[in-house]
Amino acid sequence: MTPTDEEIVAAGTRRAVGRVALRRLSSLVRDWQAEEAARAALAKRLALGITLAALLAFALFNWFYR
C-alpha cells in the first residue's frame, strides 16, 4: 500500500499546523513564565518592605514607650 498524494498532503498539512500550534503554545508558556517571575519579584520586594516597616514600627514603639 502506497499513500496517495492526498494522504501525503494531508499528513504534511497536519504536521505544519501542529508545529505552528506548538510554537504558539510555547510562546504563551514563555509569556506566562515571565509574568510569574515578575510577580514573584514583586512579592519578594513587598515582603521585604512589610518586614522592614514592621521592624521600624517595633523599634519606634519600644523607643517611645520605655
C-alpha atoms as a PDB file:
ATOM      1  CA  MET A   1       0.000   0.000   0.000  1.00  0.00           C
ATOM      2  CA  THR A   2       1.462   3.291  -1.024  1.00  0.00           C
ATOM      3  CA  PRO A   3      -0.016   6.503   0.252  1.00  0.00           C
ATOM      4  CA  THR A   4      -1.832   8.646  -2.234  1.00  0.00           C
ATOM      5  CA  ASP A   5      -0.884  12.199  -2.964  1.00  0.00           C
ATOM      6  CA  GLU A   6      -3.860  13.421  -0.925  1.00  0.00           C
ATOM      7  CA  GLU A   7      -2.744  11.433   2.112  1.00  0.00           C
ATOM      8  CA  ILE A   8       0.787  12.781   1.779  1.00  0.00           C
ATOM      9  CA  VAL A   9      -0.504  16.354   1.512  1.00  0.00           C
ATOM     10  CA  ALA A  10      -2.884  15.835   4.457  1.00  0.00           C
ATOM     11  CA  ALA A  11      -0.074  14.426   6.602  1.00  0.00           C
ATOM     12  CA  GLY A  12       2.198  17.330   5.690  1.00  0.00           C
ATOM     13  CA  THR A  13      -0.559  19.805   6.459  1.00  0.00           C
ATOM     14  CA  ARG A  14      -1.214  18.232   9.867  1.00  0.00           C
ATOM     15  CA  ARG A  15       2.478  18.345  10.635  1.00  0.00           C
ATOM     16  CA  ALA A  16       2.773  22.026   9.619  1.00  0.00           C
ATOM     17  CA  VAL A  17      -0.334  23.008  11.575  1.00  0.00           C
ATOM     18  CA  GLY A  18       0.932  21.053  14.580  1.00  0.00           C
ATOM     19  CA  ARG A  19       4.253  22.895  14.513  1.00  0.00           C
ATOM     20  CA  VAL A  20       2.519  26.275  14.372  1.00  0.00           C
ATOM     21  CA  ALA A  21       0.252  25.295  17.274  1.00  0.00           C
ATOM     22  CA  LEU A  22       3.244  24.147  19.332  1.00  0.00           C
ATOM     23  CA  ARG A  23       5.071  27.413  18.632  1.00  0.00           C
ATOM     24  CA  ARG A  24       2.037  29.398  19.777  1.00  0.00           C
ATOM     25  CA  LEU A  25       1.709  27.329  22.936  1.00  0.00           C
ATOM     26  CA  SER A  26       5.410  27.662  23.620  1.00  0.00           C
ATOM     27  CA  SER A  27       5.135  31.420  23.247  1.00  0.00           C
ATOM     28  CA  LEU A  28       2.164  31.514  25.629  1.00  0.00           C
ATOM     29  CA  VAL A  29       4.081  29.470  28.202  1.00  0.00           C
ATOM     30  CA  ARG A  30       7.138  31.727  27.936  1.00  0.00           C
ATOM     31  CA  ASP A  31       4.957  34.814  28.404  1.00  0.00           C
ATOM     32  CA  TRP A  32       3.204  33.221  31.386  1.00  0.00           C
ATOM     33  CA  GLN A  33       6.536  32.276  32.968  1.00  0.00           C
ATOM     34  CA  ALA A  34       7.840  35.828  32.517  1.00  0.00           C
ATOM     35  CA  GLU A  35       4.704  37.235  34.175  1.00  0.00           C
ATOM     36  CA  GLU A  36       5.029  34.801  37.069  1.00  0.00           C
ATOM     37  CA  ALA A  37       8.702  35.713  37.537  1.00  0.00           C
ATOM     38  CA  ALA A  38       7.769  39.403  37.633  1.00  0.00           C
ATOM     39  CA  ARG A  39       5.047  38.695  40.193  1.00  0.00           C
ATOM     40  CA  ALA A  40       7.462  36.677  42.311  1.00  0.00           C
ATOM     41  CA  ALA A  41       9.984  39.517  42.286  1.00  0.00           C
ATOM     42  CA  LEU A  42       7.265  41.977  43.272  1.00  0.00           C
ATOM     43  CA  ALA A  43       6.119  39.687  46.087  1.00  0.00           C
ATOM     44  CA  LYS A  44       9.675  39.452  47.437  1.00  0.00           C
ATOM     45  CA  ARG A  45      10.083  43.225  47.422  1.00  0.00           C
ATOM     46  CA  LEU A  46       6.693  43.679  49.061  1.00  0.00           C
ATOM     47  CA  ALA A  47       7.509  41.127  51.775  1.00  0.00           C
ATOM     48  CA  LEU A  48      10.834  42.840  52.440  1.00  0.00           C
ATOM     49  CA  GLY A  49       9.126  46.238  52.651  1.00  0.00           C
ATOM     50  CA  ILE A  50       6.489  44.952  55.062  1.00  0.00           C
ATOM     51  CA  THR A  51       9.158  43.293  57.204  1.00  0.00           C
ATOM     52  CA  LEU A  52      11.227  46.470  57.361  1.00  0.00           C
ATOM     53  CA  ALA A  53       8.147  48.554  58.184  1.00  0.00           C
ATOM     54  CA  ALA A  54       7.212  46.140  60.980  1.00  0.00           C
ATOM     55  CA  LEU A  55      10.733  46.236  62.404  1.00  0.00           C
ATOM     56  CA  LEU A  56      10.762  50.025  62.275  1.00  0.00           C
ATOM     57  CA  ALA A  57       7.356  50.210  63.966  1.00  0.00           C
ATOM     58  CA  PHE A  58       8.524  47.804  66.657  1.00  0.00           C
ATOM     59  CA  ALA A  59      11.724  49.790  67.236  1.00  0.00           C
ATOM     60  CA  LEU A  60       9.841  53.090  67.445  1.00  0.00           C
ATOM     61  CA  PHE A  61       7.247  51.612  69.783  1.00  0.00           C
ATOM     62  CA  ASN A  62       9.994  50.344  72.113  1.00  0.00           C
ATOM     63  CA  TRP A  63      11.869  53.647  71.945  1.00  0.00           C
ATOM     64  CA  PHE A  64       8.803  55.771  72.752  1.00  0.00           C
ATOM     65  CA  TYR A  65       7.401  53.511  75.483  1.00  0.00           C
ATOM     66  CA  ARG A  66      10.476  52.646  77.565  1.00  0.00           C
END
